Every structure is written in structure tokens, then in C-alpha cells.
């Protein structure tokens, strides 16, 4: 089993596992000549024989195949999502691309073409490793062409306005996903409710462009994300969705029921109290686990600040989204790691 996905991962995966949504997004960010060369009607999720499912859960979020126009030549689209700056992103992606190319050759296929794309939010884009601007010239010019190369296509949502995130060529769900990922984390409750009212046209568009089942699942996924990454009360979120929807029946209540069944009801930090109040033993257990994890994250955050001084905002986001195993691993490295990059180098 792969590592537990964060709320950001779950929303990204829910939306962009759909070929229709991911194709529209990729056509926005890939070079025009690449877009023109691909037969988008052939885009399909890569099967487990084309990639290693175990490795994929640890490195790349999604992998698709698509054919070149007028050819049976396939291109692998490796798609990654990052909720914080990751200095090791290029090395991680390069490792995965090398693996899938080797796997294809082992299966008797031609060496596939690969395009690697990244959606990032929650911080500035780190310099791609191979650039090595820290090296003096002429050393950099001499050695850079000899290094393993992979040029990532990075779409950063960080610092973009809502108008810029509302790309009209994207589906309403894809636009809403980008807005939620970029704008909702760490927003105050009143700001979240105001944002939902501003995005009401996208909520209604999801109602009218999808079949009822898909629309409710999509709205539920958005509602789930809001409840997991913000402090907005369930009742206020329900009212905000009701104001902005016309026909879809109670997607937020469906979301709340799903969260309760997973033991992560609204107000994660008060999971024990919520579990007792609701009489749900799973909620109590998960609440205790979440409380311990959040306490460990807060403690580690305090120790990191004492060790390294003022911390970038993305560090707190990463710690609070981490699994207990990750927190334990980073705590063990605290005394020996020379800097934050080494601490988080997984």
C-alpha cells in the first residue's frame, strides 16, 4: 500500500484522473508544437503493465498514454502534483521516467517518448536541479550538458489571481480545483465562504454539464476538500453550497457522511470530542491518531524553528499534512540534517 494521500492529493487525483479534464489542462500548459503533435482522442490512463503501480504511488500522481497523430507511436504523460516546493522534484521525476522507459524496453516495446508535467501550488517553484546556477563558470557550462536531463513542464498556481486561474478552456471542475488548491488552504472561514459565493457560477456549471451522479461526486469532492483544509463550520458550508446550487441534492451532507465514515469529521483537531459526541468509535480512534499527529507536527515545527531559525510558510503546511511515519522520520533527522533540504530529502 502506498503512502496516505493528503487532501490536496485527493482532490487533484479526483479531478485529473479523468482524461477529459487532464487533456484540457495539458493543452493549456504544454508547448504548442507538442499539443499539435498529439492525438488527444487517444488519451487514456496507463495500465499497470505500462508502469509500475507500486513505484507510481510513491512518485508520480498520474500516468497517461497518448498516440502521435497518424502513428501508432505512444507518448507517456507523467503527471505530478506538489503542494509545496520540493527541491528534489527533478531527481524524483527523472528516476520514475528512467524506470518506465526501461520497463517498456523489457516488455519488447520501443523506447517511449515521455513528457513530464507538474502542477504546483503553495510556494515558489524551486530551481530545477540540473540548472545548478550555484556553480561558477566555466565549470557549469562544461559539465551541465553531461548531466542526466529532464525538462519538466511546471504549471505553478502560486501567486496567481483568481482571474488567471479561471482558464476558460478548462472544465468547470478543473477551474474550481485549481482555485481551491491555490486559494483555500489557511484561509479564514469568512474568506472561504466568500470564495464559494464568488465561484458559484462554477458550482452551477458542474450541476448542468455533468450527469447527476458525477455532479454530486464532484461537488462532494470539493466540499470534502474544504472541510479538510479549512475551519469553516459544516453548517456554513452547507448554506453556501445551497445558495449557489439549483438542483443537486445535498452534496455537502453526503460529504459530511463520507468524512465521518472515514473518521475525519469537520474539526480534525477536536476529533476525540466529535467522536464521543457522535458516538462513533472509529471517529474516536482516528481523532486520537490525528491529535497525536498534529501535536507531533507542532512540536517538530517548534524544534525546526529553534534549529534553523525562521521557517518558510510551506514547511508548516507540509508538516501538518504529513503522515505519522513521515513525522517520525524527520524528527529522527533533526539533529544531523545540515539544512531543511537534507531533512526532507526522501
Protein backbone atom coordinates (compact mmCIF):
# COMPACT_ATOMS: atom_id res chain seq x y z
CA UNK A 1 0.00 0.00 0.00
CA UNK A 2 1.34 3.46 -0.89
CA UNK A 3 1.58 6.42 1.47
CA UNK A 4 -1.58 8.19 2.65
CA UNK A 5 -2.55 10.96 0.26
CA UNK A 6 -3.04 14.48 1.56
CA UNK A 7 -6.35 16.31 0.96
CA UNK A 8 -4.57 18.21 -1.84
CA UNK A 9 -3.51 14.95 -3.48
CA UNK A 10 -7.01 13.50 -3.22
CA UNK A 11 -8.68 16.50 -4.87
CA UNK A 12 -6.06 16.71 -7.61
CA UNK A 13 -6.33 12.99 -8.32
CA UNK A 14 -10.14 13.02 -8.29
CA UNK A 15 -10.30 15.73 -10.95
CA UNK A 16 -7.36 14.96 -13.20
CA UNK A 17 -7.63 11.18 -13.34
CA UNK A 18 -10.41 11.96 -15.82
CA UNK A 19 -8.92 12.16 -19.37
CA UNK A 20 -11.31 14.97 -20.35
CA UNK A 21 -10.16 17.24 -17.52
CA UNK A 22 -6.47 16.41 -17.76
CA UNK A 23 -6.38 16.81 -21.55
CA UNK A 24 -7.78 20.34 -21.37
CA UNK A 25 -5.26 21.29 -18.68
CA UNK A 26 -2.28 19.80 -20.54
CA UNK A 27 -3.26 21.58 -23.73
CA UNK A 28 -3.01 24.84 -21.77
CA UNK A 29 0.50 24.28 -20.44
CA UNK A 30 2.42 22.15 -22.97
CA UNK A 31 4.33 23.78 -25.85
CA UNK A 32 2.11 24.43 -28.88
CA UNK A 33 4.07 22.10 -31.16
CA UNK A 34 3.72 19.26 -28.63
CA UNK A 35 -0.03 19.87 -28.34
CA UNK A 36 -0.37 19.80 -32.13
CA UNK A 37 1.61 16.55 -32.46
CA UNK A 38 -0.59 14.54 -30.07
CA UNK A 39 -3.86 12.81 -30.95
CA UNK A 40 -5.83 13.81 -27.86
CA UNK A 41 -8.71 11.49 -28.72
CA UNK A 42 -6.39 8.57 -27.86
CA UNK A 43 -5.52 9.80 -24.36
CA UNK A 44 -6.06 7.05 -21.80
CA UNK A 45 -4.77 6.15 -18.31
CA UNK A 46 -1.67 3.96 -18.49
CA UNK A 47 -2.24 0.36 -17.48
CA UNK A 48 -0.24 -1.25 -14.70
CA UNK A 49 1.75 -3.20 -17.31
CA UNK A 50 2.96 0.07 -18.78
CA UNK A 51 4.13 1.41 -15.42
CA UNK A 52 4.96 0.01 -12.03
CA UNK A 53 1.91 0.67 -9.85
CA UNK A 54 3.93 0.47 -6.63
CA UNK A 55 6.50 2.97 -7.82
CA UNK A 56 3.81 5.24 -9.22
CA UNK A 57 2.16 5.63 -5.81
CA UNK A 58 5.44 6.92 -4.41
CA UNK A 59 6.49 9.24 -7.21
CA UNK A 60 4.03 10.27 -9.89
CA UNK A 61 0.38 11.05 -9.30
CA UNK A 62 -0.96 10.07 -12.72
CA UNK A 63 0.33 8.48 -15.92
CA UNK A 64 -1.43 8.57 -19.28
CA UNK A 65 -0.61 7.35 -22.77
CA UNK A 66 -1.43 9.20 -25.97
CA UNK A 67 -0.53 8.50 -29.62
CA UNK A 68 1.12 10.79 -32.10
CA UNK A 69 -1.08 11.95 -34.97
CA UNK A 70 -1.05 9.48 -37.86
CA UNK A 71 1.13 7.00 -36.00
CA UNK A 72 0.95 4.14 -33.50
CA UNK A 73 3.84 5.74 -31.61
CA UNK A 74 2.82 6.25 -27.98
CA UNK A 75 3.87 9.07 -25.67
CA UNK A 76 3.81 8.65 -21.89
CA UNK A 77 2.49 11.66 -19.98
CA UNK A 78 3.82 11.57 -16.41
CA UNK A 79 1.89 14.00 -14.20
CA UNK A 80 2.97 15.07 -10.73
CA UNK A 81 1.30 17.26 -8.12
CA UNK A 82 3.13 19.22 -5.42
CA UNK A 83 1.52 21.15 -2.58
CA UNK A 84 4.85 22.71 -1.52
CA UNK A 85 8.24 23.48 -3.07
CA UNK A 86 10.32 20.33 -3.42
CA UNK A 87 13.99 20.71 -4.30
CA UNK A 88 14.12 17.00 -5.13
CA UNK A 89 11.30 17.11 -7.66
CA UNK A 90 13.50 16.82 -10.73
CA UNK A 91 15.51 13.88 -9.36
CA UNK A 92 12.29 12.13 -8.31
CA UNK A 93 10.70 12.61 -11.73
CA UNK A 94 13.86 11.59 -13.57
CA UNK A 95 14.04 8.38 -11.54
CA UNK A 96 10.47 7.50 -12.48
CA UNK A 97 10.89 8.33 -16.17
CA UNK A 98 14.00 6.16 -16.39
CA UNK A 99 12.04 3.32 -14.79
CA UNK A 100 9.05 3.46 -17.17
CA UNK A 101 11.30 3.67 -20.22
CA UNK A 102 13.28 0.64 -19.05
CA UNK A 103 10.07 -1.25 -18.30
CA UNK A 104 8.80 -0.56 -21.81
CA UNK A 105 12.01 -1.94 -23.33
CA UNK A 106 11.77 -5.03 -21.11
CA UNK A 107 8.28 -5.66 -22.47
CA UNK A 108 9.65 -5.63 -26.03
CA UNK A 109 8.35 -2.17 -26.93
CA UNK A 110 10.16 0.73 -28.50
CA UNK A 111 11.71 3.23 -26.12
CA UNK A 112 8.73 5.55 -25.43
CA UNK A 113 8.68 9.30 -25.69
CA UNK A 114 7.95 10.89 -22.32
CA UNK A 115 6.54 14.26 -21.28
CA UNK A 116 6.61 15.13 -17.56
CA UNK A 117 4.27 17.82 -16.22
CA UNK A 118 3.84 19.19 -12.70
CA UNK A 119 1.05 21.16 -11.05
CA UNK A 120 2.37 23.09 -8.06
CA UNK A 121 0.72 25.36 -5.51
CA UNK A 122 1.67 26.58 -2.06
CA UNK A 123 5.04 28.18 -2.73
CA UNK A 124 7.61 29.38 -5.22
CA UNK A 125 8.92 26.90 -7.79
CA UNK A 126 12.39 25.66 -6.82
CA UNK A 127 15.08 25.81 -9.46
CA UNK A 128 15.29 22.59 -11.44
CA UNK A 129 18.26 20.61 -10.12
CA UNK A 130 20.17 20.33 -13.38
CA UNK A 131 20.40 24.13 -13.77
CA UNK A 132 23.00 24.37 -10.92
CA UNK A 133 23.28 28.14 -11.05
CA UNK A 134 25.43 27.93 -7.90
CA UNK A 135 28.36 26.58 -9.94
CA UNK A 136 30.90 29.06 -11.29
CA UNK A 137 31.51 29.45 -14.98
CA UNK A 138 33.08 27.80 -16.94
CA UNK A 139 32.53 24.72 -14.72
CA UNK A 140 28.78 24.95 -15.14
CA UNK A 141 28.94 25.27 -18.94
CA UNK A 142 31.44 22.40 -19.11
CA UNK A 143 29.58 19.85 -17.03
CA UNK A 144 25.90 20.75 -17.39
CA UNK A 145 25.48 19.14 -20.85
CA UNK A 146 26.84 15.86 -19.44
CA UNK A 147 24.31 15.61 -16.59
CA UNK A 148 21.12 13.50 -16.75
CA UNK A 149 18.50 15.73 -18.30
CA UNK A 150 14.73 16.02 -17.89
CA UNK A 151 12.91 19.24 -18.58
CA UNK A 152 9.73 19.44 -16.52
CA UNK A 153 6.73 21.42 -17.69
CA UNK A 154 5.69 23.16 -14.46
CA UNK A 155 2.36 24.89 -14.00
CA UNK A 156 2.55 26.95 -10.81
CA UNK A 157 -0.65 28.26 -9.25
CA UNK A 158 1.27 30.18 -6.61
CA UNK A 159 0.67 33.92 -6.69
CA UNK A 160 -1.90 33.80 -9.50
CA UNK A 161 -5.09 35.81 -9.26
CA UNK A 162 -8.50 34.16 -9.41
CA UNK A 163 -8.98 35.61 -12.88
CA UNK A 164 -5.78 33.94 -14.05
CA UNK A 165 -6.85 30.61 -12.57
CA UNK A 166 -10.20 30.72 -14.36
CA UNK A 167 -8.89 29.45 -17.67
CA UNK A 168 -11.91 29.27 -19.96
CA UNK A 169 -10.60 26.25 -21.88
CA UNK A 170 -10.67 24.16 -18.70
CA UNK A 171 -13.78 22.37 -17.47
CA UNK A 172 -15.66 23.98 -14.56
CA UNK A 173 -14.44 21.23 -12.22
CA UNK A 174 -10.81 21.74 -13.28
CA UNK A 175 -11.12 25.51 -12.77
CA UNK A 176 -12.69 25.00 -9.35
CA UNK A 177 -9.99 22.51 -8.40
CA UNK A 178 -7.23 24.98 -9.30
CA UNK A 179 -8.97 27.75 -7.36
CA UNK A 180 -9.48 25.56 -4.29
CA UNK A 181 -5.89 24.29 -4.25
CA UNK A 182 -4.43 27.76 -4.69
CA UNK A 183 -6.72 29.86 -2.50
CA UNK A 184 -8.38 27.85 0.28
CA UNK A 185 -5.59 26.39 2.47
CA UNK A 186 -5.01 28.56 5.55
CA UNK A 187 -7.88 30.88 4.61
CA UNK A 188 -10.19 32.13 7.37
CA UNK A 189 -13.74 30.78 7.48
CA UNK A 190 -15.33 34.01 6.26
CA UNK A 191 -12.87 34.15 3.35
CA UNK A 192 -13.74 30.56 2.41
CA UNK A 193 -17.48 31.27 2.38
CA UNK A 194 -16.94 34.44 0.33
CA UNK A 195 -14.82 32.48 -2.16
CA UNK A 196 -17.54 29.85 -2.59
CA UNK A 197 -20.03 32.61 -3.35
CA UNK A 198 -17.64 34.06 -5.97
CA UNK A 199 -17.26 30.61 -7.50
CA UNK A 200 -20.99 29.90 -7.56
CA UNK A 201 -21.09 30.01 -11.37
CA UNK A 202 -18.61 27.11 -11.48
CA UNK A 203 -20.65 25.09 -8.96
CA UNK A 204 -23.77 25.59 -11.08
CA UNK A 205 -21.85 24.75 -14.24
CA UNK A 206 -20.84 21.42 -12.70
CA UNK A 207 -24.52 20.79 -11.95
CA UNK A 208 -25.53 21.41 -15.54
CA UNK A 209 -22.61 19.91 -17.50
CA UNK A 210 -22.28 16.58 -15.69
CA UNK A 211 -24.77 13.76 -15.20
CA UNK A 212 -26.41 13.87 -11.72
CA UNK A 213 -24.20 11.16 -10.21
CA UNK A 214 -20.94 12.67 -11.50
CA UNK A 215 -22.07 16.17 -10.48
CA UNK A 216 -22.80 15.09 -6.93
CA UNK A 217 -19.48 13.21 -6.67
CA UNK A 218 -17.61 16.26 -7.96
CA UNK A 219 -19.35 18.68 -5.61
CA UNK A 220 -18.80 16.26 -2.75
CA UNK A 221 -15.06 16.11 -3.56
CA UNK A 222 -14.86 19.92 -3.43
CA UNK A 223 -16.84 20.01 -0.19
CA UNK A 224 -14.63 17.32 1.32
CA UNK A 225 -11.53 19.34 0.48
CA UNK A 226 -12.99 22.50 2.05
CA UNK A 227 -13.83 20.68 5.29
CA UNK A 228 -10.39 19.06 5.49
CA UNK A 229 -8.19 22.11 4.84
CA UNK A 230 -10.22 24.95 6.39
CA UNK A 231 -12.04 25.66 9.65
CA UNK A 232 -15.36 26.61 8.04
CA UNK A 233 -18.23 25.03 10.03
CA UNK A 234 -20.23 22.35 8.26
CA UNK A 235 -23.46 24.33 8.60
CA UNK A 236 -21.96 27.45 6.96
CA UNK A 237 -20.52 25.38 4.13
CA UNK A 238 -23.89 23.71 3.60
CA UNK A 239 -25.60 27.10 3.42
CA UNK A 240 -23.01 28.44 0.98
CA UNK A 241 -23.44 25.49 -1.37
CA UNK A 242 -27.23 25.69 -1.10
CA UNK A 243 -27.15 29.38 -2.05
CA UNK A 244 -25.14 28.64 -5.15
CA UNK A 245 -26.73 25.40 -6.40
CA UNK A 246 -30.06 24.85 -8.09
CA UNK A 247 -30.86 21.14 -8.33
CA UNK A 248 -28.16 18.86 -6.91
CA UNK A 249 -29.41 17.30 -3.68
CA UNK A 250 -27.39 17.87 -0.52
CA UNK A 251 -23.80 17.21 -1.69
CA UNK A 252 -22.32 18.64 1.50
CA UNK A 253 -24.31 16.32 3.73
CA UNK A 254 -23.07 13.45 1.57
CA UNK A 255 -19.56 14.81 2.11
CA UNK A 256 -20.02 15.00 5.86
CA UNK A 257 -21.28 11.43 5.99
CA UNK A 258 -18.28 10.28 3.98
CA UNK A 259 -15.87 12.13 6.25
CA UNK A 260 -17.49 10.68 9.36
CA UNK A 261 -17.26 7.17 7.93
CA UNK A 262 -13.52 7.73 7.43
CA UNK A 263 -13.16 9.10 10.97
CA UNK A 264 -12.15 12.62 9.85
CA UNK A 265 -15.22 14.74 10.54
CA UNK A 266 -15.20 18.53 10.47
CA UNK A 267 -12.80 19.85 13.09
CA UNK A 268 -9.96 17.36 12.90
CA UNK A 269 -8.15 18.81 15.89
CA UNK A 270 -11.23 18.09 18.03
CA UNK A 271 -11.59 14.54 16.75
CA UNK A 272 -11.90 12.94 20.18
CA UNK A 273 -14.74 15.25 21.27
CA UNK A 274 -16.53 14.88 17.94
CA UNK A 275 -16.15 11.11 18.10
CA UNK A 276 -17.67 10.97 21.60
CA UNK A 277 -20.45 13.39 20.66
CA UNK A 278 -21.38 11.34 17.60
CA UNK A 279 -20.85 8.02 19.39
CA UNK A 280 -18.60 6.78 16.62
CA UNK A 281 -15.78 4.59 17.83
CA UNK A 282 -13.92 4.99 14.54
CA UNK A 283 -14.13 8.75 14.95
CA UNK A 284 -12.62 8.50 18.44
CA UNK A 285 -9.74 6.31 17.28
CA UNK A 286 -9.00 8.45 14.28
CA UNK A 287 -9.41 11.60 16.36
CA UNK A 288 -6.79 10.38 18.83
CA UNK A 289 -4.43 9.46 15.98
CA UNK A 290 -4.99 12.83 14.31
CA UNK A 291 -4.47 14.67 17.59
CA UNK A 292 -1.17 12.88 18.17
CA UNK A 293 -0.04 13.60 14.60
CA UNK A 294 -0.95 17.27 14.81
CA UNK A 295 0.76 17.55 18.21
CA UNK A 296 3.88 15.92 16.77
CA UNK A 297 3.78 18.31 13.82
CA UNK A 298 3.52 21.34 16.12
CA UNK A 299 6.40 20.08 18.27
CA UNK A 300 8.61 19.37 15.26
CA UNK A 301 7.77 22.80 13.81
CA UNK A 302 8.89 24.47 17.04
CA UNK A 303 12.13 22.46 17.14
CA UNK A 304 12.88 23.24 13.50
CA UNK A 305 12.47 26.96 14.17
CA UNK A 306 14.92 26.70 17.09
CA UNK A 307 17.39 24.75 14.94
CA UNK A 308 17.20 26.65 11.64
CA UNK A 309 15.60 29.97 12.54
CA UNK A 310 12.54 31.48 10.78
CA UNK A 311 10.91 28.90 8.52
CA UNK A 312 9.27 29.29 5.09
CA UNK A 313 5.46 29.09 5.21
CA UNK A 314 5.41 25.86 3.20
CA UNK A 315 7.20 23.96 5.99
CA UNK A 316 4.20 24.23 8.34
CA UNK A 317 1.86 23.17 5.53
CA UNK A 318 3.98 20.13 4.80
CA UNK A 319 4.28 19.08 8.45
CA UNK A 320 0.55 19.32 9.14
CA UNK A 321 -0.20 17.26 6.01
CA UNK A 322 2.39 14.59 6.86
CA UNK A 323 1.76 11.02 7.94
CA UNK A 324 2.91 9.83 11.41
CA UNK A 325 5.70 7.82 9.74
CA UNK A 326 6.98 10.92 7.93
CA UNK A 327 6.93 13.00 11.13
CA UNK A 328 8.88 10.29 12.96
CA UNK A 329 11.46 10.06 10.15
CA UNK A 330 12.00 13.84 10.03
CA UNK A 331 12.25 14.04 13.84
CA UNK A 332 14.99 11.38 13.78
CA UNK A 333 16.94 13.50 11.27
CA UNK A 334 16.58 16.75 13.20
CA UNK A 335 19.97 16.74 14.93
CA UNK A 336 22.02 15.54 11.97
CA UNK A 337 20.46 17.34 8.98
CA UNK A 338 22.55 20.38 7.99
CA UNK A 339 19.54 22.18 6.47
CA UNK A 340 15.84 21.80 5.60
CA UNK A 341 16.58 20.32 2.18
CA UNK A 342 18.50 17.44 3.76
CA UNK A 343 15.85 16.99 6.43
CA UNK A 344 13.05 16.48 3.90
CA UNK A 345 15.13 14.55 1.35
CA UNK A 346 13.09 11.38 0.88
